[in-house]
């Protein structure tokens, strides 16, 4: 079971490493890592499990956050319509995106960052993505709102980019052109 002790923190070189493409079929270890990452997210959102194992709540976890530089991440969250969005994405890509941007008004956080980093993180408001599941089946889906933001956050991890790299240093809360703010409930 993955715990906070397994999640590497900012400053660790793997967080700045571009993750490598994965090949199919996945190894038993890779399949287990996918299951463990999803289990962490589910447990982190369960108040009893989170307290028992001292887990910070998370909606996404990239493989390089557990020191494995492979192109895989897990997402587990509920969208604005209360629909569960939960999957492990292998070799994920954004195939198209809106011109319109969005940002979470309260800012973004990260399981690998133990401090509050204030500022707006610009993201595409709508994205169409492709990825494979653990069995190698390809999925193409359209995401908006928090799922789109979370997907982009995790994809950044796979490219060695931290969310705060996208914050305007000179004006962290400055206006973002062509954007609609996203209010987190």
N, C-alpha and C. Protein backbone atom coordinates (compact mmCIF):
# COMPACT_ATOMS: atom_id res chain seq x y z
N UNK A 1 0.84 -1.19 0.00
CA UNK A 1 0.00 0.00 0.00
C UNK A 1 0.88 1.25 0.00
N UNK A 2 0.57 2.18 -0.87
CA UNK A 2 1.30 3.45 -0.93
C UNK A 2 0.83 4.34 0.22
N UNK A 3 1.80 4.95 0.91
CA UNK A 3 1.49 5.93 1.95
C UNK A 3 2.24 7.22 1.61
N UNK A 4 2.05 8.24 2.42
CA UNK A 4 2.75 9.51 2.18
C UNK A 4 4.27 9.32 2.20
N UNK A 5 4.76 8.33 2.93
CA UNK A 5 6.20 8.08 2.98
C UNK A 5 6.75 7.65 1.62
N UNK A 6 5.90 7.11 0.76
CA UNK A 6 6.33 6.65 -0.56
C UNK A 6 6.33 7.76 -1.61
N UNK A 7 5.69 8.88 -1.28
CA UNK A 7 5.56 9.98 -2.24
C UNK A 7 6.76 10.92 -2.08
N UNK A 8 7.50 11.07 -3.19
CA UNK A 8 8.69 11.93 -3.14
C UNK A 8 8.26 13.39 -3.15
N UNK A 9 9.10 14.25 -2.58
CA UNK A 9 8.76 15.66 -2.43
C UNK A 9 9.59 16.54 -3.35
N UNK A 10 9.10 17.79 -3.53
CA UNK A 10 9.78 18.72 -4.43
C UNK A 10 11.25 18.79 -4.06
N UNK A 11 12.07 18.92 -5.10
CA UNK A 11 13.52 18.89 -4.91
C UNK A 11 14.10 17.55 -5.35
N UNK A 12 13.28 16.50 -5.34
CA UNK A 12 13.74 15.18 -5.79
C UNK A 12 13.86 15.19 -7.31
N UNK A 13 14.97 14.68 -7.84
CA UNK A 13 15.24 14.78 -9.27
C UNK A 13 14.20 14.07 -10.14
N UNK A 14 13.56 13.02 -9.66
CA UNK A 14 12.58 12.30 -10.48
C UNK A 14 11.39 13.18 -10.83
N UNK A 15 11.06 14.15 -9.97
CA UNK A 15 9.94 15.05 -10.26
C UNK A 15 10.25 15.98 -11.43
N UNK A 16 11.52 16.14 -11.75
CA UNK A 16 11.93 16.99 -12.88
C UNK A 16 12.39 16.17 -14.08
N UNK A 17 12.11 14.86 -14.05
CA UNK A 17 12.52 13.95 -15.11
C UNK A 17 11.33 13.68 -16.03
N UNK A 18 11.55 13.72 -17.33
CA UNK A 18 10.48 13.37 -18.27
C UNK A 18 10.33 11.85 -18.25
N UNK A 19 9.12 11.40 -17.91
CA UNK A 19 8.85 9.96 -17.80
C UNK A 19 8.88 9.30 -19.17
N UNK A 20 9.24 8.01 -19.19
CA UNK A 20 9.35 7.26 -20.44
C UNK A 20 8.04 6.56 -20.78
N UNK A 21 7.80 6.40 -22.09
CA UNK A 21 6.62 5.68 -22.58
C UNK A 21 6.64 4.26 -22.04
N UNK A 22 5.45 3.72 -21.81
CA UNK A 22 5.34 2.34 -21.33
C UNK A 22 4.99 1.44 -22.52
N UNK A 23 5.39 0.18 -22.43
CA UNK A 23 5.11 -0.79 -23.49
C UNK A 23 4.16 -1.86 -22.94
N UNK A 24 3.44 -2.47 -23.87
CA UNK A 24 2.48 -3.50 -23.50
C UNK A 24 2.93 -4.85 -24.03
N UNK A 25 2.58 -5.94 -23.33
CA UNK A 25 1.80 -5.94 -22.10
C UNK A 25 2.61 -5.40 -20.92
N UNK A 26 1.90 -4.83 -19.96
CA UNK A 26 2.56 -4.32 -18.76
C UNK A 26 3.13 -5.48 -17.96
N UNK A 27 4.19 -5.20 -17.22
CA UNK A 27 4.73 -6.22 -16.31
C UNK A 27 3.81 -6.33 -15.10
N UNK A 28 3.99 -7.39 -14.34
CA UNK A 28 3.20 -7.57 -13.11
C UNK A 28 3.45 -6.40 -12.16
N UNK A 29 4.70 -5.92 -12.11
CA UNK A 29 5.05 -4.80 -11.22
C UNK A 29 4.34 -3.52 -11.65
N UNK A 30 4.27 -3.29 -12.98
CA UNK A 30 3.60 -2.08 -13.48
C UNK A 30 2.10 -2.13 -13.21
N UNK A 31 1.50 -3.31 -13.39
CA UNK A 31 0.06 -3.47 -13.10
C UNK A 31 -0.20 -3.24 -11.61
N UNK A 32 0.69 -3.75 -10.78
CA UNK A 32 0.53 -3.56 -9.34
C UNK A 32 0.67 -2.09 -8.95
N UNK A 33 1.62 -1.40 -9.57
CA UNK A 33 1.79 0.02 -9.29
C UNK A 33 0.52 0.79 -9.66
N UNK A 34 -0.08 0.47 -10.80
CA UNK A 34 -1.33 1.13 -11.21
C UNK A 34 -2.41 0.91 -10.15
N UNK A 35 -2.55 -0.31 -9.69
CA UNK A 35 -3.56 -0.63 -8.66
C UNK A 35 -3.24 0.09 -7.35
N UNK A 36 -1.97 0.14 -6.98
CA UNK A 36 -1.56 0.79 -5.73
C UNK A 36 -1.80 2.29 -5.78
N UNK A 37 -1.55 2.90 -6.93
CA UNK A 37 -1.77 4.34 -7.06
C UNK A 37 -3.26 4.67 -6.91
N UNK A 38 -4.12 3.87 -7.55
CA UNK A 38 -5.56 4.10 -7.43
C UNK A 38 -6.01 3.85 -5.99
N UNK A 39 -5.49 2.80 -5.38
CA UNK A 39 -5.85 2.50 -3.99
C UNK A 39 -5.49 3.68 -3.07
N UNK A 40 -4.32 4.29 -3.31
CA UNK A 40 -3.93 5.44 -2.49
C UNK A 40 -4.96 6.55 -2.60
N UNK A 41 -5.37 6.88 -3.84
CA UNK A 41 -6.32 7.99 -4.04
C UNK A 41 -7.65 7.69 -3.37
N UNK A 42 -8.15 6.47 -3.54
CA UNK A 42 -9.42 6.08 -2.91
C UNK A 42 -9.29 6.19 -1.39
N UNK A 43 -8.21 5.63 -0.84
CA UNK A 43 -8.01 5.67 0.62
C UNK A 43 -7.84 7.10 1.13
N UNK A 44 -7.15 7.94 0.34
CA UNK A 44 -6.88 9.31 0.79
C UNK A 44 -8.16 10.14 0.88
N UNK A 45 -9.20 9.71 0.16
CA UNK A 45 -10.48 10.43 0.18
C UNK A 45 -11.46 9.83 1.18
N UNK A 46 -11.07 8.74 1.81
CA UNK A 46 -11.91 8.10 2.83
C UNK A 46 -11.42 8.61 4.19
N UNK A 47 -12.26 9.38 4.91
CA UNK A 47 -11.79 10.00 6.16
C UNK A 47 -11.21 9.00 7.17
N UNK A 48 -11.78 7.82 7.27
CA UNK A 48 -11.29 6.82 8.23
C UNK A 48 -9.92 6.30 7.82
N UNK A 49 -9.79 5.92 6.54
CA UNK A 49 -8.50 5.41 6.04
C UNK A 49 -7.43 6.50 6.05
N UNK A 50 -7.83 7.72 5.66
CA UNK A 50 -6.87 8.82 5.62
C UNK A 50 -6.31 9.09 7.01
N UNK A 51 -7.16 9.06 8.01
CA UNK A 51 -6.69 9.29 9.38
C UNK A 51 -5.84 8.13 9.87
N UNK A 52 -6.29 6.92 9.61
CA UNK A 52 -5.58 5.72 10.07
C UNK A 52 -4.15 5.67 9.53
N UNK A 53 -3.99 6.02 8.24
CA UNK A 53 -2.67 5.90 7.60
C UNK A 53 -1.99 7.25 7.38
N UNK A 54 -2.57 8.32 7.93
CA UNK A 54 -2.00 9.67 7.83
C UNK A 54 -1.79 10.08 6.37
N UNK A 55 -2.85 9.97 5.57
CA UNK A 55 -2.79 10.28 4.14
C UNK A 55 -3.35 11.67 3.89
N UNK A 56 -2.68 12.45 3.04
CA UNK A 56 -3.25 13.71 2.55
C UNK A 56 -4.20 13.39 1.41
N UNK A 57 -5.31 14.08 1.37
CA UNK A 57 -6.28 13.83 0.32
C UNK A 57 -5.74 14.19 -1.04
N UNK A 58 -5.95 13.31 -2.00
CA UNK A 58 -5.49 13.56 -3.36
C UNK A 58 -6.51 13.12 -4.38
N UNK A 59 -6.49 13.76 -5.56
CA UNK A 59 -7.38 13.36 -6.65
C UNK A 59 -6.59 12.81 -7.84
N UNK A 60 -5.27 12.97 -7.79
CA UNK A 60 -4.41 12.46 -8.86
C UNK A 60 -3.05 12.09 -8.32
N UNK A 61 -2.43 11.10 -8.94
CA UNK A 61 -1.09 10.67 -8.54
C UNK A 61 -0.37 10.14 -9.77
N UNK A 62 0.79 10.72 -10.06
CA UNK A 62 1.61 10.30 -11.20
C UNK A 62 2.69 9.32 -10.72
N UNK A 63 3.07 8.41 -11.60
CA UNK A 63 4.07 7.40 -11.24
C UNK A 63 5.37 8.03 -10.77
N UNK A 64 5.78 9.15 -11.40
CA UNK A 64 7.05 9.71 -10.94
C UNK A 64 6.96 10.34 -9.55
N UNK A 65 5.74 10.52 -9.03
CA UNK A 65 5.61 10.99 -7.64
C UNK A 65 5.94 9.88 -6.65
N UNK A 66 5.97 8.63 -7.11
CA UNK A 66 6.43 7.52 -6.27
C UNK A 66 7.75 6.98 -6.82
N UNK A 67 8.49 7.89 -7.48
CA UNK A 67 9.85 7.64 -7.94
C UNK A 67 9.95 6.58 -9.04
N UNK A 68 8.92 6.51 -9.89
CA UNK A 68 8.94 5.63 -11.06
C UNK A 68 8.71 6.51 -12.28
N UNK A 69 9.73 6.73 -13.07
CA UNK A 69 9.66 7.67 -14.19
C UNK A 69 9.06 7.01 -15.44
N UNK A 70 7.79 6.58 -15.30
CA UNK A 70 7.05 5.97 -16.42
C UNK A 70 5.78 6.77 -16.64
N UNK A 71 5.29 6.79 -17.89
CA UNK A 71 4.14 7.62 -18.27
C UNK A 71 2.82 6.97 -17.85
N UNK A 72 2.51 7.13 -16.57
CA UNK A 72 1.28 6.57 -16.01
C UNK A 72 0.84 7.43 -14.84
N UNK A 73 -0.47 7.70 -14.77
CA UNK A 73 -1.02 8.35 -13.58
C UNK A 73 -2.43 7.84 -13.32
N UNK A 74 -2.88 8.06 -12.09
CA UNK A 74 -4.23 7.70 -11.67
C UNK A 74 -4.99 8.97 -11.34
N UNK A 75 -6.28 9.00 -11.70
CA UNK A 75 -7.18 10.08 -11.30
C UNK A 75 -8.39 9.45 -10.63
N UNK A 76 -8.85 10.08 -9.55
CA UNK A 76 -10.04 9.61 -8.85
C UNK A 76 -10.71 10.83 -8.22
N UNK A 77 -11.79 11.29 -8.85
CA UNK A 77 -12.48 12.48 -8.38
C UNK A 77 -13.92 12.48 -8.87
N UNK A 78 -14.67 13.45 -8.39
CA UNK A 78 -16.05 13.63 -8.81
C UNK A 78 -16.14 14.97 -9.54
N UNK A 79 -16.82 14.97 -10.69
CA UNK A 79 -16.93 16.23 -11.44
C UNK A 79 -18.07 17.09 -10.90
N UNK A 80 -18.32 18.22 -11.56
CA UNK A 80 -19.31 19.19 -11.09
C UNK A 80 -20.73 18.62 -11.10
N UNK A 81 -20.96 17.57 -11.91
CA UNK A 81 -22.29 16.95 -11.98
C UNK A 81 -22.38 15.74 -11.07
N UNK A 82 -21.41 15.61 -10.18
CA UNK A 82 -21.35 14.50 -9.22
C UNK A 82 -21.12 13.14 -9.89
N UNK A 83 -20.48 13.16 -11.06
CA UNK A 83 -20.15 11.93 -11.78
C UNK A 83 -18.72 11.52 -11.39
N UNK A 84 -18.57 10.25 -11.03
CA UNK A 84 -17.25 9.74 -10.64
C UNK A 84 -16.36 9.62 -11.88
N UNK A 85 -15.18 10.22 -11.82
CA UNK A 85 -14.17 10.11 -12.87
C UNK A 85 -12.99 9.39 -12.24
N UNK A 86 -12.76 8.16 -12.67
CA UNK A 86 -11.75 7.35 -12.01
C UNK A 86 -11.10 6.42 -13.03
N UNK A 87 -9.79 6.60 -13.26
CA UNK A 87 -9.09 5.75 -14.21
C UNK A 87 -7.59 5.87 -14.01
N UNK A 88 -6.88 4.86 -14.51
CA UNK A 88 -5.42 4.91 -14.62
C UNK A 88 -5.13 5.15 -16.09
N UNK A 89 -4.35 6.19 -16.37
CA UNK A 89 -3.99 6.55 -17.75
C UNK A 89 -2.54 6.19 -18.01
N UNK A 90 -2.33 5.40 -19.06
CA UNK A 90 -0.98 5.02 -19.45
C UNK A 90 -0.68 5.65 -20.81
N UNK A 91 0.50 6.26 -20.91
CA UNK A 91 0.92 7.01 -22.10
C UNK A 91 -0.14 8.04 -22.51
N UNK A 92 -0.60 8.87 -21.55
CA UNK A 92 -1.66 9.84 -21.85
C UNK A 92 -1.18 10.98 -22.74
N UNK A 93 -2.12 11.50 -23.56
CA UNK A 93 -1.83 12.62 -24.45
C UNK A 93 -3.07 13.49 -24.55
N UNK A 94 -2.86 14.79 -24.70
CA UNK A 94 -3.95 15.69 -25.05
C UNK A 94 -3.95 15.76 -26.57
N UNK A 95 -5.07 15.39 -27.19
CA UNK A 95 -5.14 15.41 -28.66
C UNK A 95 -5.76 16.69 -29.19
N UNK A 96 -6.58 17.36 -28.38
CA UNK A 96 -7.08 18.69 -28.74
C UNK A 96 -7.50 19.41 -27.47
N UNK A 97 -7.56 20.74 -27.56
CA UNK A 97 -7.92 21.53 -26.39
C UNK A 97 -8.59 22.82 -26.81
N UNK A 98 -9.32 23.40 -25.86
CA UNK A 98 -10.00 24.67 -26.10
C UNK A 98 -8.98 25.80 -26.13
N UNK A 99 -9.37 26.89 -26.76
CA UNK A 99 -8.58 28.12 -26.68
C UNK A 99 -8.81 28.73 -25.29
N UNK A 100 -10.05 28.62 -24.82
CA UNK A 100 -10.40 29.15 -23.50
C UNK A 100 -9.60 28.44 -22.41
N UNK A 101 -9.19 29.22 -21.43
CA UNK A 101 -8.47 28.66 -20.30
C UNK A 101 -9.33 28.74 -19.03
N UNK A 102 -8.85 28.09 -18.00
CA UNK A 102 -9.48 28.13 -16.70
C UNK A 102 -8.39 28.04 -15.65
N UNK A 103 -8.77 28.26 -14.40
CA UNK A 103 -7.84 28.11 -13.28
C UNK A 103 -8.67 27.97 -12.02
N UNK A 104 -8.13 27.25 -11.06
CA UNK A 104 -8.82 27.10 -9.77
C UNK A 104 -8.56 28.36 -8.96
N UNK A 105 -9.63 29.04 -8.54
CA UNK A 105 -9.48 30.33 -7.86
C UNK A 105 -8.69 30.21 -6.56
N UNK A 106 -8.76 29.05 -5.90
CA UNK A 106 -8.01 28.86 -4.65
C UNK A 106 -6.60 28.33 -4.89
N UNK A 107 -6.24 28.13 -6.15
CA UNK A 107 -4.92 27.61 -6.48
C UNK A 107 -4.89 26.09 -6.50
N UNK A 108 -3.77 25.54 -6.93
CA UNK A 108 -3.61 24.09 -6.98
C UNK A 108 -2.69 23.64 -5.85
N UNK A 109 -2.83 22.38 -5.50
CA UNK A 109 -1.95 21.76 -4.52
C UNK A 109 -1.37 20.50 -5.12
N UNK A 110 -0.48 19.87 -4.39
CA UNK A 110 0.19 18.68 -4.92
C UNK A 110 0.67 17.83 -3.75
N UNK A 111 0.52 16.52 -3.87
CA UNK A 111 0.98 15.61 -2.81
C UNK A 111 2.49 15.66 -2.64
N UNK A 112 3.22 16.11 -3.66
CA UNK A 112 4.68 16.21 -3.59
C UNK A 112 5.15 17.57 -3.09
N UNK A 113 4.22 18.47 -2.80
CA UNK A 113 4.57 19.82 -2.35
C UNK A 113 3.95 20.05 -0.97
N UNK A 114 4.80 20.19 0.03
CA UNK A 114 4.33 20.32 1.41
C UNK A 114 4.14 21.76 1.86
N UNK A 115 3.94 22.65 0.90
CA UNK A 115 3.74 24.06 1.25
C UNK A 115 2.65 24.62 0.35
N UNK A 116 2.05 25.69 0.80
CA UNK A 116 1.05 26.38 0.00
C UNK A 116 1.78 27.28 -0.99
N UNK A 117 1.46 27.16 -2.28
CA UNK A 117 2.05 28.02 -3.29
C UNK A 117 0.91 28.84 -3.90
N UNK A 118 0.76 30.09 -3.46
CA UNK A 118 -0.37 30.89 -3.94
C UNK A 118 -0.20 31.33 -5.39
N UNK A 119 -1.33 31.39 -6.09
CA UNK A 119 -1.33 31.88 -7.46
C UNK A 119 -2.22 31.05 -8.35
N UNK A 120 -2.60 31.65 -9.48
CA UNK A 120 -3.43 30.98 -10.46
C UNK A 120 -2.56 30.14 -11.39
N UNK A 121 -3.05 28.93 -11.68
CA UNK A 121 -2.36 28.02 -12.58
C UNK A 121 -3.21 27.89 -13.84
N UNK A 122 -2.84 28.56 -14.93
CA UNK A 122 -3.66 28.48 -16.15
C UNK A 122 -3.67 27.08 -16.75
N UNK A 123 -4.87 26.63 -17.12
CA UNK A 123 -5.06 25.32 -17.75
C UNK A 123 -6.07 25.48 -18.89
N UNK A 124 -6.08 24.53 -19.82
CA UNK A 124 -7.12 24.52 -20.84
C UNK A 124 -8.45 24.20 -20.16
N UNK A 125 -9.52 24.88 -20.57
CA UNK A 125 -10.84 24.65 -19.97
C UNK A 125 -11.43 23.30 -20.41
N UNK A 126 -11.16 22.91 -21.65
CA UNK A 126 -11.69 21.65 -22.18
C UNK A 126 -10.57 20.94 -22.95
N UNK A 127 -10.49 19.65 -22.73
CA UNK A 127 -9.47 18.86 -23.43
C UNK A 127 -10.07 17.55 -23.92
N UNK A 128 -9.56 17.07 -25.03
CA UNK A 128 -9.84 15.70 -25.48
C UNK A 128 -8.53 14.96 -25.34
N UNK A 129 -8.62 13.80 -24.70
CA UNK A 129 -7.40 13.06 -24.35
C UNK A 129 -7.48 11.63 -24.85
N UNK A 130 -6.30 11.06 -25.03
CA UNK A 130 -6.17 9.64 -25.36
C UNK A 130 -5.22 9.02 -24.36
N UNK A 131 -5.52 7.80 -23.96
CA UNK A 131 -4.62 7.05 -23.09
C UNK A 131 -4.98 5.57 -23.19
N UNK A 132 -4.11 4.74 -22.68
CA UNK A 132 -4.40 3.31 -22.62
C UNK A 132 -4.64 2.92 -21.17
N UNK A 133 -5.47 1.89 -20.99
CA UNK A 133 -5.67 1.35 -19.65
C UNK A 133 -4.64 0.24 -19.42
N UNK A 134 -4.70 -0.40 -18.26
CA UNK A 134 -3.67 -1.41 -17.92
C UNK A 134 -3.69 -2.61 -18.86
N UNK A 135 -4.82 -2.83 -19.54
CA UNK A 135 -4.91 -3.95 -20.48
C UNK A 135 -4.51 -3.55 -21.90
N UNK A 136 -4.14 -2.28 -22.10
CA UNK A 136 -3.71 -1.82 -23.41
C UNK A 136 -4.84 -1.31 -24.28
N UNK A 137 -6.07 -1.24 -23.75
CA UNK A 137 -7.19 -0.70 -24.51
C UNK A 137 -7.07 0.81 -24.58
N UNK A 138 -7.29 1.38 -25.79
CA UNK A 138 -7.19 2.83 -25.94
C UNK A 138 -8.53 3.49 -25.62
N UNK A 139 -8.44 4.61 -24.92
CA UNK A 139 -9.62 5.41 -24.56
C UNK A 139 -9.41 6.82 -25.09
N UNK A 140 -10.49 7.40 -25.60
CA UNK A 140 -10.46 8.80 -26.04
C UNK A 140 -11.67 9.46 -25.37
N UNK A 141 -11.41 10.44 -24.50
CA UNK A 141 -12.49 11.08 -23.77
C UNK A 141 -12.31 12.59 -23.74
N UNK A 142 -13.42 13.27 -23.49
CA UNK A 142 -13.42 14.73 -23.39
C UNK A 142 -13.60 15.08 -21.92
N UNK A 143 -12.77 15.98 -21.44
CA UNK A 143 -12.82 16.39 -20.03
C UNK A 143 -12.99 17.90 -19.93
N UNK A 144 -13.75 18.32 -18.93
CA UNK A 144 -13.92 19.73 -18.62
C UNK A 144 -13.82 19.90 -17.11
N UNK A 145 -13.75 21.14 -16.66
CA UNK A 145 -13.76 21.42 -15.22
C UNK A 145 -12.61 20.77 -14.48
N UNK A 146 -12.89 20.32 -13.26
CA UNK A 146 -11.84 19.75 -12.41
C UNK A 146 -11.15 18.53 -13.03
N UNK A 147 -11.88 17.60 -13.67
CA UNK A 147 -11.18 16.47 -14.30
C UNK A 147 -10.16 16.93 -15.36
N UNK A 148 -10.50 17.97 -16.14
CA UNK A 148 -9.56 18.48 -17.14
C UNK A 148 -8.34 19.10 -16.47
N UNK A 149 -8.57 19.85 -15.40
CA UNK A 149 -7.47 20.49 -14.67
C UNK A 149 -6.56 19.42 -14.06
N UNK A 150 -7.17 18.42 -13.43
CA UNK A 150 -6.39 17.35 -12.78
C UNK A 150 -5.59 16.56 -13.81
N UNK A 151 -6.19 16.26 -14.96
CA UNK A 151 -5.48 15.53 -16.01
C UNK A 151 -4.24 16.30 -16.45
N UNK A 152 -4.39 17.61 -16.64
CA UNK A 152 -3.26 18.44 -17.08
C UNK A 152 -2.18 18.52 -15.99
N UNK A 153 -2.60 18.58 -14.72
CA UNK A 153 -1.65 18.62 -13.60
C UNK A 153 -0.80 17.35 -13.61
N UNK A 154 -1.47 16.19 -13.75
CA UNK A 154 -0.75 14.91 -13.72
C UNK A 154 0.11 14.73 -14.97
N UNK A 155 -0.40 15.17 -16.12
CA UNK A 155 0.40 15.08 -17.35
C UNK A 155 1.66 15.93 -17.23
N UNK A 156 1.54 17.09 -16.59
CA UNK A 156 2.72 17.92 -16.33
C UNK A 156 3.77 17.14 -15.54
N UNK A 157 3.33 16.40 -14.52
CA UNK A 157 4.28 15.59 -13.73
C UNK A 157 5.08 14.67 -14.64
N UNK A 158 4.41 14.05 -15.60
CA UNK A 158 5.10 13.10 -16.49
C UNK A 158 6.11 13.80 -17.38
N UNK A 159 5.97 15.12 -17.51
CA UNK A 159 6.91 15.91 -18.31
C UNK A 159 7.90 16.68 -17.45
N UNK A 160 7.94 16.39 -16.16
CA UNK A 160 8.89 17.05 -15.27
C UNK A 160 8.52 18.47 -14.90
N UNK A 161 7.23 18.81 -15.04
CA UNK A 161 6.76 20.17 -14.77
C UNK A 161 5.93 20.17 -13.48
N UNK A 162 6.22 21.12 -12.60
CA UNK A 162 5.45 21.28 -11.36
C UNK A 162 4.39 22.36 -11.59
N UNK A 163 3.27 22.27 -10.87
CA UNK A 163 2.17 23.22 -11.09
C UNK A 163 2.61 24.66 -10.91
N UNK A 164 3.52 24.91 -9.96
CA UNK A 164 3.91 26.29 -9.68
C UNK A 164 4.79 26.88 -10.78
N UNK A 165 5.30 26.02 -11.68
CA UNK A 165 6.05 26.53 -12.84
C UNK A 165 5.15 27.36 -13.74
N UNK A 166 3.85 27.12 -13.66
CA UNK A 166 2.88 27.80 -14.53
C UNK A 166 2.31 29.08 -13.92
N UNK A 167 2.64 29.36 -12.66
CA UNK A 167 2.15 30.58 -12.00
C UNK A 167 2.99 31.77 -12.44
N UNK A 168 2.33 32.87 -12.74
CA UNK A 168 3.03 34.10 -13.14
C UNK A 168 3.78 34.63 -11.92
N UNK A 169 5.12 34.58 -11.98
CA UNK A 169 5.95 35.01 -10.84
C UNK A 169 5.72 36.46 -10.46
N UNK A 170 5.59 37.31 -11.47
CA UNK A 170 5.46 38.75 -11.20
C UNK A 170 4.09 39.13 -10.66
N UNK A 171 3.05 38.37 -11.06
CA UNK A 171 1.68 38.68 -10.64
C UNK A 171 0.90 37.38 -10.48
N UNK A 172 1.12 36.66 -9.35
CA UNK A 172 0.52 35.33 -9.18
C UNK A 172 -1.01 35.29 -9.31
N UNK A 173 -1.67 36.39 -8.96
CA UNK A 173 -3.13 36.43 -9.05
C UNK A 173 -3.60 37.38 -10.15
N UNK A 174 -2.72 37.64 -11.10
CA UNK A 174 -3.05 38.53 -12.21
C UNK A 174 -4.06 37.89 -13.15
N UNK A 175 -4.71 38.71 -13.95
CA UNK A 175 -5.71 38.18 -14.88
C UNK A 175 -5.10 37.21 -15.88
N UNK A 176 -5.88 36.20 -16.24
CA UNK A 176 -5.46 35.23 -17.24
C UNK A 176 -6.36 35.44 -18.45
N UNK A 177 -5.73 35.77 -19.57
CA UNK A 177 -6.48 36.07 -20.79
C UNK A 177 -7.37 34.90 -21.20
N UNK A 178 -8.55 35.26 -21.74
CA UNK A 178 -9.48 34.29 -22.30
C UNK A 178 -9.74 33.13 -21.35
N UNK A 179 -10.10 33.44 -20.10
CA UNK A 179 -10.29 32.38 -19.12
C UNK A 179 -11.57 32.58 -18.31
N UNK A 180 -12.05 31.48 -17.79
CA UNK A 180 -13.17 31.46 -16.86
C UNK A 180 -12.67 30.81 -15.58
N UNK A 181 -12.78 31.51 -14.44
CA UNK A 181 -12.30 30.92 -13.20
C UNK A 181 -13.13 29.68 -12.82
N UNK A 182 -12.46 28.72 -12.20
CA UNK A 182 -13.13 27.51 -11.72
C UNK A 182 -13.17 27.59 -10.20
N UNK A 183 -14.39 27.56 -9.65
CA UNK A 183 -14.58 27.60 -8.19
C UNK A 183 -14.69 26.18 -7.70
N UNK A 184 -13.79 25.79 -6.81
CA UNK A 184 -13.85 24.45 -6.24
C UNK A 184 -14.84 24.43 -5.10
N UNK A 185 -15.71 23.45 -5.11
CA UNK A 185 -16.76 23.37 -4.07
C UNK A 185 -16.18 23.00 -2.72
